[in-house]
Amino acid sequence: ALAKGDAKAVETRELNLFAAILAIFAPNAWI
């Protein structure tokens, strides 16, 4: 695969992980 494509995939994966973590912790933060 192209290096550029791989970097993009990794970036997207990290963003998805970050979003998932926020989804888990955000509700607790609001309380």
PDB file of N, CA and C in Angstrom:
ATOM      1  N   ALA A   1       0.848  -1.207   0.000  1.00  0.00           N
ATOM      2  CA  ALA A   1       0.000   0.000   0.000  1.00  0.00           C
ATOM      3  C   ALA A   1       0.874   1.245   0.000  1.00  0.00           C
ATOM      4  N   LEU A   2       0.286   2.348  -0.406  1.00  0.00           N
ATOM      5  CA  LEU A   2       1.031   3.602  -0.418  1.00  0.00           C
ATOM      6  C   LEU A   2       1.253   4.084   1.009  1.00  0.00           C
ATOM      7  N   ALA A   3       2.425   4.635   1.247  1.00  0.00           N
ATOM      8  CA  ALA A   3       2.753   5.118   2.589  1.00  0.00           C
ATOM      9  C   ALA A   3       1.752   6.178   3.025  1.00  0.00           C
ATOM     10  N   LYS A   4       1.373   7.038   2.077  1.00  0.00           N
ATOM     11  CA  LYS A   4       0.430   8.105   2.382  1.00  0.00           C
ATOM     12  C   LYS A   4      -0.914   7.512   2.825  1.00  0.00           C
ATOM     13  N   GLY A   5      -1.339   6.475   2.119  1.00  0.00           N
ATOM     14  CA  GLY A   5      -2.595   5.815   2.458  1.00  0.00           C
ATOM     15  C   GLY A   5      -2.522   5.161   3.833  1.00  0.00           C
ATOM     16  N   ASP A   6      -1.379   4.541   4.120  1.00  0.00           N
ATOM     17  CA  ASP A   6      -1.212   3.886   5.415  1.00  0.00           C
ATOM     18  C   ASP A   6      -1.253   4.904   6.542  1.00  0.00           C
ATOM     19  N   ALA A   7      -0.592   6.038   6.337  1.00  0.00           N
ATOM     20  CA  ALA A   7      -0.574   7.079   7.363  1.00  0.00           C
ATOM     21  C   ALA A   7      -1.986   7.581   7.622  1.00  0.00           C
ATOM     22  N   LYS A   8      -2.752   7.726   6.537  1.00  0.00           N
ATOM     23  CA  LYS A   8      -4.120   8.198   6.665  1.00  0.00           C
ATOM     24  C   LYS A   8      -4.963   7.188   7.447  1.00  0.00           C
ATOM     25  N   ALA A   9      -4.757   5.914   7.161  1.00  0.00           N
ATOM     26  CA  ALA A   9      -5.504   4.859   7.844  1.00  0.00           C
ATOM     27  C   ALA A   9      -5.182   4.854   9.335  1.00  0.00           C
ATOM     28  N   VAL A  10      -3.912   5.012   9.663  1.00  0.00           N
ATOM     29  CA  VAL A  10      -3.495   5.038  11.066  1.00  0.00           C
ATOM     30  C   VAL A  10      -4.098   6.254  11.758  1.00  0.00           C
ATOM     31  N   GLU A  11      -4.076   7.400  11.066  1.00  0.00           N
ATOM     32  CA  GLU A  11      -4.623   8.629  11.635  1.00  0.00           C
ATOM     33  C   GLU A  11      -6.111   8.456  11.920  1.00  0.00           C
ATOM     34  N   THR A  12      -6.818   7.857  10.968  1.00  0.00           N
ATOM     35  CA  THR A  12      -8.256   7.642  11.131  1.00  0.00           C
ATOM     36  C   THR A  12      -8.515   6.695  12.296  1.00  0.00           C
ATOM     37  N   ARG A  13      -7.693   5.653  12.390  1.00  0.00           N
ATOM     38  CA  ARG A  13      -7.859   4.677  13.471  1.00  0.00           C
ATOM     39  C   ARG A  13      -7.659   5.348  14.825  1.00  0.00           C
ATOM     40  N   GLU A  14      -6.648   6.217  14.924  1.00  0.00           N
ATOM     41  CA  GLU A  14      -6.382   6.915  16.173  1.00  0.00           C
ATOM     42  C   GLU A  14      -7.527   7.853  16.527  1.00  0.00           C
ATOM     43  N   LEU A  15      -8.086   8.524  15.501  1.00  0.00           N
ATOM     44  CA  LEU A  15      -9.216   9.421  15.742  1.00  0.00           C
ATOM     45  C   LEU A  15     -10.428   8.625  16.226  1.00  0.00           C
ATOM     46  N   ASN A  16     -10.643   7.456  15.629  1.00  0.00           N
ATOM     47  CA  ASN A  16     -11.761   6.607  16.048  1.00  0.00           C
ATOM     48  C   ASN A  16     -11.574   6.148  17.489  1.00  0.00           C
ATOM     49  N   LEU A  17     -10.345   5.806  17.848  1.00  0.00           N
ATOM     50  CA  LEU A  17     -10.047   5.375  19.210  1.00  0.00           C
ATOM     51  C   LEU A  17     -10.293   6.526  20.182  1.00  0.00           C
ATOM     52  N   PHE A  18      -9.835   7.718  19.806  1.00  0.00           N
ATOM     53  CA  PHE A  18     -10.028   8.911  20.633  1.00  0.00           C
ATOM     54  C   PHE A  18     -11.514   9.189  20.825  1.00  0.00           C
ATOM     55  N   ALA A  19     -12.288   9.063  19.736  1.00  0.00           N
ATOM     56  CA  ALA A  19     -13.730   9.284  19.799  1.00  0.00           C
ATOM     57  C   ALA A  19     -14.386   8.262  20.718  1.00  0.00           C
ATOM     58  N   ALA A  20     -13.927   7.022  20.642  1.00  0.00           N
ATOM     59  CA  ALA A  20     -14.487   5.965  21.489  1.00  0.00           C
ATOM     60  C   ALA A  20     -14.191   6.250  22.963  1.00  0.00           C
ATOM     61  N   ILE A  21     -12.977   6.705  23.254  1.00  0.00           N
ATOM     62  CA  ILE A  21     -12.599   7.037  24.630  1.00  0.00           C
ATOM     63  C   ILE A  21     -13.457   8.198  25.134  1.00  0.00           C
ATOM     64  N   LEU A  22     -13.646   9.207  24.287  1.00  0.00           N
ATOM     65  CA  LEU A  22     -14.493  10.336  24.666  1.00  0.00           C
ATOM     66  C   LEU A  22     -15.918   9.881  24.947  1.00  0.00           C
ATOM     67  N   ALA A  23     -16.412   8.991  24.116  1.00  0.00           N
ATOM     68  CA  ALA A  23     -17.777   8.492  24.267  1.00  0.00           C
ATOM     69  C   ALA A  23     -17.940   7.779  25.611  1.00  0.00           C
ATOM     70  N   ILE A  24     -16.869   7.140  26.065  1.00  0.00           N
ATOM     71  CA  ILE A  24     -16.917   6.408  27.332  1.00  0.00           C
ATOM     72  C   ILE A  24     -16.798   7.361  28.519  1.00  0.00           C
ATOM     73  N   PHE A  25     -15.862   8.308  28.451  1.00  0.00           N
ATOM     74  CA  PHE A  25     -15.587   9.168  29.592  1.00  0.00           C
ATOM     75  C   PHE A  25     -16.419  10.445  29.647  1.00  0.00           C
ATOM     76  N   ALA A  26     -16.857  10.944  28.500  1.00  0.00           N
ATOM     77  CA  ALA A  26     -17.606  12.198  28.457  1.00  0.00           C
ATOM     78  C   ALA A  26     -18.853  12.178  29.349  1.00  0.00           C
ATOM     79  N   PRO A  27     -19.679  11.127  29.309  1.00  0.00           N
ATOM     80  CA  PRO A  27     -20.882  11.101  30.156  1.00  0.00           C
ATOM     81  C   PRO A  27     -20.546  11.257  31.635  1.00  0.00           C
ATOM     82  N   ASN A  28     -19.443  10.670  32.066  1.00  0.00           N
ATOM     83  CA  ASN A  28     -19.039  10.791  33.467  1.00  0.00           C
ATOM     84  C   ASN A  28     -18.590  12.210  33.791  1.00  0.00           C
ATOM     85  N   ALA A  29     -17.981  12.861  32.803  1.00  0.00           N
ATOM     86  CA  ALA A  29     -17.482  14.214  33.009  1.00  0.00           C
ATOM     87  C   ALA A  29     -18.627  15.202  33.195  1.00  0.00           C
ATOM     88  N   TRP A  30     -19.771  14.915  32.562  1.00  0.00           N
ATOM     89  CA  TRP A  30     -20.909  15.835  32.651  1.00  0.00           C
ATOM     90  C   TRP A  30     -21.578  15.772  34.018  1.00  0.00           C
ATOM     91  N   ILE A  31     -21.383  14.671  34.726  1.00  0.00           N
ATOM     92  CA  ILE A  31     -22.036  14.534  36.033  1.00  0.00           C
ATOM     93  C   ILE A  31     -21.237  15.284  37.108  1.00  0.00           C
TER      94      ILE A  31
END
